[in-house]
Amino acid sequence: MPYLSGVLTGILLTILVVFVVDHLNNDSQDIVNWNVLAGKVETVSEEVREEVHEATAPEPDTAPAAPPANTTPPATDTGAQ
């Protein structure tokens, strides 16, 4: 677990440093094209959202059947007297 947290911290710090260097630098040449990166992240997030939606959707044969519209629900006995 410490190894994973160290790797994730290193990745985040690297991205942060590159972002700060890109925005503090007055040259027109950037290290990362942030517009392209934002587009890629948006595309990936949409794909992940769709896959999660498909994966968590109920199966058609296991979904509960809707009761007929013209019937009344059965009377229930609460047991309290």
PDB file of N, CA and C in Angstrom:
ATOM      1  N   MET A   1       0.816  -1.197   0.000  1.00  0.00           N
ATOM      2  CA  MET A   1       0.000   0.000   0.000  1.00  0.00           C
ATOM      3  C   MET A   1       0.866   1.271   0.000  1.00  0.00           C
ATOM      4  N   PRO A   2       1.953   1.312   0.769  1.00  0.00           N
ATOM      5  CA  PRO A   2       2.805   2.509   0.715  1.00  0.00           C
ATOM      6  C   PRO A   2       3.415   2.710  -0.676  1.00  0.00           C
ATOM      7  N   TYR A   3       3.728   1.604  -1.352  1.00  0.00           N
ATOM      8  CA  TYR A   3       4.291   1.709  -2.696  1.00  0.00           C
ATOM      9  C   TYR A   3       3.280   2.356  -3.641  1.00  0.00           C
ATOM     10  N   LEU A   4       2.029   1.905  -3.594  1.00  0.00           N
ATOM     11  CA  LEU A   4       0.982   2.449  -4.468  1.00  0.00           C
ATOM     12  C   LEU A   4       0.743   3.923  -4.178  1.00  0.00           C
ATOM     13  N   SER A   5       0.688   4.292  -2.922  1.00  0.00           N
ATOM     14  CA  SER A   5       0.475   5.701  -2.593  1.00  0.00           C
ATOM     15  C   SER A   5       1.664   6.555  -3.028  1.00  0.00           C
ATOM     16  N   GLY A   6       2.868   6.012  -2.958  1.00  0.00           N
ATOM     17  CA  GLY A   6       4.042   6.739  -3.424  1.00  0.00           C
ATOM     18  C   GLY A   6       4.026   6.936  -4.933  1.00  0.00           C
ATOM     19  N   VAL A   7       3.612   5.921  -5.668  1.00  0.00           N
ATOM     20  CA  VAL A   7       3.524   6.028  -7.128  1.00  0.00           C
ATOM     21  C   VAL A   7       2.466   7.049  -7.518  1.00  0.00           C
ATOM     22  N   LEU A   8       1.307   6.973  -6.894  1.00  0.00           N
ATOM     23  CA  LEU A   8       0.229   7.921  -7.212  1.00  0.00           C
ATOM     24  C   LEU A   8       0.624   9.354  -6.845  1.00  0.00           C
ATOM     25  N   THR A   9       1.291   9.527  -5.720  1.00  0.00           N
ATOM     26  CA  THR A   9       1.766  10.855  -5.330  1.00  0.00           C
ATOM     27  C   THR A   9       2.785  11.386  -6.328  1.00  0.00           C
ATOM     28  N   GLY A  10       3.683  10.536  -6.788  1.00  0.00           N
ATOM     29  CA  GLY A  10       4.669  10.935  -7.780  1.00  0.00           C
ATOM     30  C   GLY A  10       4.023  11.337  -9.100  1.00  0.00           C
ATOM     31  N   ILE A  11       3.026  10.592  -9.528  1.00  0.00           N
ATOM     32  CA  ILE A  11       2.319  10.932 -10.769  1.00  0.00           C
ATOM     33  C   ILE A  11       1.632  12.278 -10.635  1.00  0.00           C
ATOM     34  N   LEU A  12       0.923  12.477  -9.534  1.00  0.00           N
ATOM     35  CA  LEU A  12       0.211  13.741  -9.335  1.00  0.00           C
ATOM     36  C   LEU A  12       1.161  14.931  -9.238  1.00  0.00           C
ATOM     37  N   LEU A  13       2.278  14.754  -8.521  1.00  0.00           N
ATOM     38  CA  LEU A  13       3.248  15.844  -8.414  1.00  0.00           C
ATOM     39  C   LEU A  13       3.888  16.163  -9.769  1.00  0.00           C
ATOM     40  N   THR A  14       4.151  15.145 -10.574  1.00  0.00           N
ATOM     41  CA  THR A  14       4.727  15.367 -11.902  1.00  0.00           C
ATOM     42  C   THR A  14       3.769  16.157 -12.775  1.00  0.00           C
ATOM     43  N   ILE A  15       2.501  15.776 -12.775  1.00  0.00           N
ATOM     44  CA  ILE A  15       1.499  16.494 -13.576  1.00  0.00           C
ATOM     45  C   ILE A  15       1.378  17.929 -13.082  1.00  0.00           C
ATOM     46  N   LEU A  16       1.369  18.120 -11.776  1.00  0.00           N
ATOM     47  CA  LEU A  16       1.258  19.463 -11.209  1.00  0.00           C
ATOM     48  C   LEU A  16       2.449  20.340 -11.606  1.00  0.00           C
ATOM     49  N   VAL A  17       3.652  19.790 -11.530  1.00  0.00           N
ATOM     50  CA  VAL A  17       4.853  20.559 -11.884  1.00  0.00           C
ATOM     51  C   VAL A  17       4.833  20.926 -13.366  1.00  0.00           C
ATOM     52  N   VAL A  18       4.454  19.986 -14.232  1.00  0.00           N
ATOM     53  CA  VAL A  18       4.388  20.275 -15.673  1.00  0.00           C
ATOM     54  C   VAL A  18       3.340  21.339 -15.943  1.00  0.00           C
ATOM     55  N   PHE A  19       2.212  21.269 -15.273  1.00  0.00           N
ATOM     56  CA  PHE A  19       1.152  22.263 -15.456  1.00  0.00           C
ATOM     57  C   PHE A  19       1.645  23.647 -15.050  1.00  0.00           C
ATOM     58  N   VAL A  20       2.295  23.737 -13.896  1.00  0.00           N
ATOM     59  CA  VAL A  20       2.789  25.029 -13.414  1.00  0.00           C
ATOM     60  C   VAL A  20       3.870  25.575 -14.345  1.00  0.00           C
ATOM     61  N   VAL A  21       4.789  24.728 -14.791  1.00  0.00           N
ATOM     62  CA  VAL A  21       5.848  25.174 -15.697  1.00  0.00           C
ATOM     63  C   VAL A  21       5.259  25.664 -17.014  1.00  0.00           C
ATOM     64  N   ASP A  22       4.264  24.949 -17.539  1.00  0.00           N
ATOM     65  CA  ASP A  22       3.625  25.365 -18.787  1.00  0.00           C
ATOM     66  C   ASP A  22       2.958  26.730 -18.649  1.00  0.00           C
ATOM     67  N   HIS A  23       2.329  26.975 -17.522  1.00  0.00           N
ATOM     68  CA  HIS A  23       1.585  28.225 -17.362  1.00  0.00           C
ATOM     69  C   HIS A  23       2.458  29.395 -16.895  1.00  0.00           C
ATOM     70  N   LEU A  24       3.600  29.119 -16.322  1.00  0.00           N
ATOM     71  CA  LEU A  24       4.506  30.200 -15.925  1.00  0.00           C
ATOM     72  C   LEU A  24       5.447  30.595 -17.059  1.00  0.00           C
ATOM     73  N   ASN A  25       5.652  29.685 -17.996  1.00  0.00           N
ATOM     74  CA  ASN A  25       6.548  29.926 -19.112  1.00  0.00           C
ATOM     75  C   ASN A  25       5.871  30.863 -20.118  1.00  0.00           C
ATOM     76  N   ASN A  26       6.564  31.937 -20.525  1.00  0.00           N
ATOM     77  CA  ASN A  26       6.002  32.898 -21.467  1.00  0.00           C
ATOM     78  C   ASN A  26       6.201  32.485 -22.921  1.00  0.00           C
ATOM     79  N   ASP A  27       6.968  31.446 -23.179  1.00  0.00           N
ATOM     80  CA  ASP A  27       7.167  30.973 -24.549  1.00  0.00           C
ATOM     81  C   ASP A  27       5.875  30.349 -25.066  1.00  0.00           C
ATOM     82  N   SER A  28       5.743  30.306 -26.368  1.00  0.00           N
ATOM     83  CA  SER A  28       4.539  29.718 -26.950  1.00  0.00           C
ATOM     84  C   SER A  28       4.609  28.197 -26.960  1.00  0.00           C
ATOM     85  N   GLN A  29       5.811  27.623 -26.740  1.00  0.00           N
ATOM     86  CA  GLN A  29       5.977  26.175 -26.746  1.00  0.00           C
ATOM     87  C   GLN A  29       5.642  25.609 -25.366  1.00  0.00           C
ATOM     88  N   ASP A  30       4.620  24.748 -25.310  1.00  0.00           N
ATOM     89  CA  ASP A  30       4.232  24.103 -24.064  1.00  0.00           C
ATOM     90  C   ASP A  30       4.756  22.675 -24.038  1.00  0.00           C
ATOM     91  N   ILE A  31       4.912  22.145 -22.854  1.00  0.00           N
ATOM     92  CA  ILE A  31       5.324  20.750 -22.701  1.00  0.00           C
ATOM     93  C   ILE A  31       4.160  19.838 -23.069  1.00  0.00           C
ATOM     94  N   VAL A  32       2.965  20.190 -22.634  1.00  0.00           N
ATOM     95  CA  VAL A  32       1.762  19.400 -22.880  1.00  0.00           C
ATOM     96  C   VAL A  32       0.730  20.290 -23.550  1.00  0.00           C
ATOM     97  N   ASN A  33       0.054  19.760 -24.566  1.00  0.00           N
ATOM     98  CA  ASN A  33      -1.059  20.472 -25.174  1.00  0.00           C
ATOM     99  C   ASN A  33      -2.293  20.159 -24.321  1.00  0.00           C
ATOM    100  N   TRP A  34      -2.636  21.085 -23.448  1.00  0.00           N
ATOM    101  CA  TRP A  34      -3.681  20.832 -22.451  1.00  0.00           C
ATOM    102  C   TRP A  34      -5.062  20.716 -23.074  1.00  0.00           C
ATOM    103  N   ASN A  35      -5.308  21.341 -24.219  1.00  0.00           N
ATOM    104  CA  ASN A  35      -6.606  21.210 -24.890  1.00  0.00           C
ATOM    105  C   ASN A  35      -6.816  19.790 -25.403  1.00  0.00           C
ATOM    106  N   VAL A  36      -5.775  19.206 -25.970  1.00  0.00           N
ATOM    107  CA  VAL A  36      -5.867  17.829 -26.449  1.00  0.00           C
ATOM    108  C   VAL A  36      -6.059  16.880 -25.271  1.00  0.00           C
ATOM    109  N   LEU A  37      -5.314  17.111 -24.210  1.00  0.00           N
ATOM    110  CA  LEU A  37      -5.432  16.267 -23.024  1.00  0.00           C
ATOM    111  C   LEU A  37      -6.843  16.329 -22.439  1.00  0.00           C
ATOM    112  N   ALA A  38      -7.427  17.521 -22.373  1.00  0.00           N
ATOM    113  CA  ALA A  38      -8.786  17.666 -21.845  1.00  0.00           C
ATOM    114  C   ALA A  38      -9.789  16.915 -22.717  1.00  0.00           C
ATOM    115  N   GLY A  39      -9.600  16.974 -24.025  1.00  0.00           N
ATOM    116  CA  GLY A  39     -10.485  16.244 -24.932  1.00  0.00           C
ATOM    117  C   GLY A  39     -10.379  14.744 -24.748  1.00  0.00           C
ATOM    118  N   LYS A  40      -9.145  14.253 -24.579  1.00  0.00           N
ATOM    119  CA  LYS A  40      -8.940  12.811 -24.371  1.00  0.00           C
ATOM    120  C   LYS A  40      -9.555  12.359 -23.047  1.00  0.00           C
ATOM    121  N   VAL A  41      -9.374  13.155 -21.998  1.00  0.00           N
ATOM    122  CA  VAL A  41      -9.942  12.801 -20.697  1.00  0.00           C
ATOM    123  C   VAL A  41     -11.467  12.783 -20.778  1.00  0.00           C
ATOM    124  N   GLU A  42     -12.049  13.727 -21.486  1.00  0.00           N
ATOM    125  CA  GLU A  42     -13.501  13.766 -21.643  1.00  0.00           C
ATOM    126  C   GLU A  42     -14.003  12.552 -22.406  1.00  0.00           C
ATOM    127  N   THR A  43     -13.290  12.160 -23.462  1.00  0.00           N
ATOM    128  CA  THR A  43     -13.674  10.984 -24.241  1.00  0.00           C
ATOM    129  C   THR A  43     -13.599   9.720 -23.388  1.00  0.00           C
ATOM    130  N   VAL A  44     -12.524   9.571 -22.642  1.00  0.00           N
ATOM    131  CA  VAL A  44     -12.359   8.389 -21.796  1.00  0.00           C
ATOM    132  C   VAL A  44     -13.430   8.358 -20.713  1.00  0.00           C
ATOM    133  N   SER A  45     -13.744   9.503 -20.124  1.00  0.00           N
ATOM    134  CA  SER A  45     -14.756   9.520 -19.064  1.00  0.00           C
ATOM    135  C   SER A  45     -16.132   9.159 -19.614  1.00  0.00           C
ATOM    136  N   GLU A  46     -16.450   9.590 -20.837  1.00  0.00           N
ATOM    137  CA  GLU A  46     -17.726   9.211 -21.465  1.00  0.00           C
ATOM    138  C   GLU A  46     -17.776   7.711 -21.716  1.00  0.00           C
ATOM    139  N   GLU A  47     -16.672   7.139 -22.222  1.00  0.00           N
ATOM    140  CA  GLU A  47     -16.629   5.705 -22.477  1.00  0.00           C
ATOM    141  C   GLU A  47     -16.787   4.912 -21.185  1.00  0.00           C
ATOM    142  N   VAL A  48     -16.120   5.350 -20.135  1.00  0.00           N
ATOM    143  CA  VAL A  48     -16.218   4.664 -18.847  1.00  0.00           C
ATOM    144  C   VAL A  48     -17.638   4.770 -18.308  1.00  0.00           C
ATOM    145  N   ARG A  49     -18.250   5.952 -18.431  1.00  0.00           N
ATOM    146  CA  ARG A  49     -19.619   6.131 -17.957  1.00  0.00           C
ATOM    147  C   ARG A  49     -20.575   5.191 -18.687  1.00  0.00           C
ATOM    148  N   GLU A  50     -20.422   5.077 -20.017  1.00  0.00           N
ATOM    149  CA  GLU A  50     -21.294   4.196 -20.788  1.00  0.00           C
ATOM    150  C   GLU A  50     -21.082   2.729 -20.403  1.00  0.00           C
ATOM    151  N   GLU A  51     -19.815   2.331 -20.209  1.00  0.00           N
ATOM    152  CA  GLU A  51     -19.545   0.949 -19.840  1.00  0.00           C
ATOM    153  C   GLU A  51     -20.093   0.621 -18.452  1.00  0.00           C
ATOM    154  N   VAL A  52     -19.975   1.553 -17.518  1.00  0.00           N
ATOM    155  CA  VAL A  52     -20.528   1.325 -16.177  1.00  0.00           C
ATOM    156  C   VAL A  52     -22.045   1.249 -16.246  1.00  0.00           C
ATOM    157  N   HIS A  53     -22.644   2.097 -17.060  1.00  0.00           N
ATOM    158  CA  HIS A  53     -24.100   2.071 -17.217  1.00  0.00           C
ATOM    159  C   HIS A  53     -24.558   0.727 -17.785  1.00  0.00           C
ATOM    160  N   GLU A  54     -23.841   0.226 -18.797  1.00  0.00           N
ATOM    161  CA  GLU A  54     -24.188  -1.066 -19.381  1.00  0.00           C
ATOM    162  C   GLU A  54     -23.959  -2.201 -18.390  1.00  0.00           C
ATOM    163  N   ALA A  55     -22.882  -2.119 -17.624  1.00  0.00           N
ATOM    164  CA  ALA A  55     -22.550  -3.193 -16.692  1.00  0.00           C
ATOM    165  C   ALA A  55     -23.516  -3.253 -15.521  1.00  0.00           C
ATOM    166  N   THR A  56     -24.069  -2.121 -15.123  1.00  0.00           N
ATOM    167  CA  THR A  56     -24.965  -2.112 -13.964  1.00  0.00           C
ATOM    168  C   THR A  56     -26.436  -2.171 -14.348  1.00  0.00           C
ATOM    169  N   ALA A  57     -26.744  -2.222 -15.644  1.00  0.00           N
ATOM    170  CA  ALA A  57     -28.138  -2.306 -16.071  1.00  0.00           C
ATOM    171  C   ALA A  57     -28.680  -3.690 -15.717  1.00  0.00           C
ATOM    172  N   PRO A  58     -29.940  -3.763 -15.295  1.00  0.00           N
ATOM    173  CA  PRO A  58     -30.494  -5.081 -14.961  1.00  0.00           C
ATOM    174  C   PRO A  58     -30.680  -5.920 -16.219  1.00  0.00           C
ATOM    175  N   GLU A  59     -30.538  -7.212 -16.050  1.00  0.00           N
ATOM    176  CA  GLU A  59     -30.754  -8.136 -17.167  1.00  0.00           C
ATOM    177  C   GLU A  59     -32.233  -8.128 -17.536  1.00  0.00           C
ATOM    178  N   PRO A  60     -32.557  -8.222 -18.807  1.00  0.00           N
ATOM    179  CA  PRO A  60     -33.974  -8.185 -19.206  1.00  0.00           C
ATOM    180  C   PRO A  60     -34.787  -9.337 -18.625  1.00  0.00           C
ATOM    181  N   ASP A  61     -34.201 -10.551 -18.486  1.00  0.00           N
ATOM    182  CA  ASP A  61     -34.965 -11.681 -17.982  1.00  0.00           C
ATOM    183  C   ASP A  61     -35.052 -11.698 -16.457  1.00  0.00           C
ATOM    184  N   THR A  62     -34.230 -10.940 -15.755  1.00  0.00           N
ATOM    185  CA  THR A  62     -34.282 -10.926 -14.301  1.00  0.00           C
ATOM    186  C   THR A  62     -34.985  -9.688 -13.749  1.00  0.00           C
ATOM    187  N   ALA A  63     -35.376  -8.775 -14.629  1.00  0.00           N
ATOM    188  CA  ALA A  63     -36.063  -7.575 -14.172  1.00  0.00           C
ATOM    189  C   ALA A  63     -37.462  -7.958 -13.691  1.00  0.00           C
ATOM    190  N   PRO A  64     -37.938  -7.380 -12.596  1.00  0.00           N
ATOM    191  CA  PRO A  64     -39.278  -7.725 -12.114  1.00  0.00           C
ATOM    192  C   PRO A  64     -40.341  -7.269 -13.112  1.00  0.00           C
ATOM    193  N   ALA A  65     -41.330  -8.135 -13.283  1.00  0.00           N
ATOM    194  CA  ALA A  65     -42.410  -7.824 -14.217  1.00  0.00           C
ATOM    195  C   ALA A  65     -43.346  -6.793 -13.593  1.00  0.00           C
ATOM    196  N   ALA A  66     -43.816  -5.886 -14.408  1.00  0.00           N
ATOM    197  CA  ALA A  66     -44.754  -4.870 -13.928  1.00  0.00           C
ATOM    198  C   ALA A  66     -46.134  -5.499 -13.781  1.00  0.00           C
ATOM    199  N   PRO A  67     -46.856  -5.152 -12.713  1.00  0.00           N
ATOM    200  CA  PRO A  67     -48.204  -5.715 -12.544  1.00  0.00           C
ATOM    201  C   PRO A  67     -49.141  -5.157 -13.617  1.00  0.00           C
ATOM    202  N   PRO A  68     -50.177  -5.914 -13.969  1.00  0.00           N
ATOM    203  CA  PRO A  68     -51.145  -5.410 -14.955  1.00  0.00           C
ATOM    204  C   PRO A  68     -51.784  -4.120 -14.461  1.00  0.00           C
ATOM    205  N   ALA A  69     -52.121  -3.240 -15.369  1.00  0.00           N
ATOM    206  CA  ALA A  69     -52.621  -1.917 -15.014  1.00  0.00           C
ATOM    207  C   ALA A  69     -54.028  -1.945 -14.437  1.00  0.00           C
ATOM    208  N   ASN A  70     -54.869  -2.925 -14.773  1.00  0.00           N
ATOM    209  CA  ASN A  70     -56.274  -2.917 -14.366  1.00  0.00           C
ATOM    210  C   ASN A  70     -56.532  -3.649 -13.057  1.00  0.00           C
ATOM    211  N   THR A  71     -55.547  -4.231 -12.431  1.00  0.00           N
ATOM    212  CA  THR A  71     -55.793  -4.987 -11.206  1.00  0.00           C
ATOM    213  C   THR A  71     -55.455  -4.138  -9.992  1.00  0.00           C
ATOM    214  N   THR A  72     -56.118  -4.438  -8.902  1.00  0.00           N
ATOM    215  CA  THR A  72     -55.828  -3.745  -7.651  1.00  0.00           C
ATOM    216  C   THR A  72     -54.829  -4.585  -6.863  1.00  0.00           C
ATOM    217  N   PRO A  73     -53.988  -3.979  -6.093  1.00  0.00           N
ATOM    218  CA  PRO A  73     -53.014  -4.752  -5.322  1.00  0.00           C
ATOM    219  C   PRO A  73     -53.726  -5.578  -4.252  1.00  0.00           C
ATOM    220  N   PRO A  74     -53.159  -6.711  -3.871  1.00  0.00           N
ATOM    221  CA  PRO A  74     -53.804  -7.531  -2.846  1.00  0.00           C
ATOM    222  C   PRO A  74     -53.791  -6.819  -1.499  1.00  0.00           C
ATOM    223  N   ALA A  75     -54.809  -7.125  -0.718  1.00  0.00           N
ATOM    224  CA  ALA A  75     -54.919  -6.536   0.621  1.00  0.00           C
ATOM    225  C   ALA A  75     -53.820  -7.132   1.497  1.00  0.00           C
ATOM    226  N   THR A  76     -53.246  -6.292   2.315  1.00  0.00           N
ATOM    227  CA  THR A  76     -52.200  -6.790   3.209  1.00  0.00           C
ATOM    228  C   THR A  76     -52.686  -6.678   4.648  1.00  0.00           C
ATOM    229  N   ASP A  77     -52.330  -7.649   5.408  1.00  0.00           N
ATOM    230  CA  ASP A  77     -52.681  -7.659   6.830  1.00  0.00           C
ATOM    231  C   ASP A  77     -51.477  -7.161   7.603  1.00  0.00           C
ATOM    232  N   THR A  78     -51.642  -6.049   8.303  1.00  0.00           N
ATOM    233  CA  THR A  78     -50.524  -5.484   9.046  1.00  0.00           C
ATOM    234  C   THR A  78     -50.260  -6.247  10.331  1.00  0.00           C
ATOM    235  N   GLY A  79     -51.229  -7.014  10.819  1.00  0.00           N
ATOM    236  CA  GLY A  79     -51.020  -7.788  12.023  1.00  0.00           C
ATOM    237  C   GLY A  79     -51.276  -7.010  13.293  1.00  0.00           C
ATOM    238  N   ALA A  80     -51.480  -5.718  13.206  1.00  0.00           N
ATOM    239  CA  ALA A  80     -51.721  -4.902  14.395  1.00  0.00           C
ATOM    240  C   ALA A  80     -53.229  -4.863  14.676  1.00  0.00           C
ATOM    241  N   GLN A  81     -53.601  -5.180  15.915  1.00  0.00           N
ATOM    242  CA  GLN A  81     -55.014  -5.128  16.282  1.00  0.00           C
ATOM    243  C   GLN A  81     -55.209  -4.373  17.561  1.00  0.00           C
TER     244      GLN A  81
END
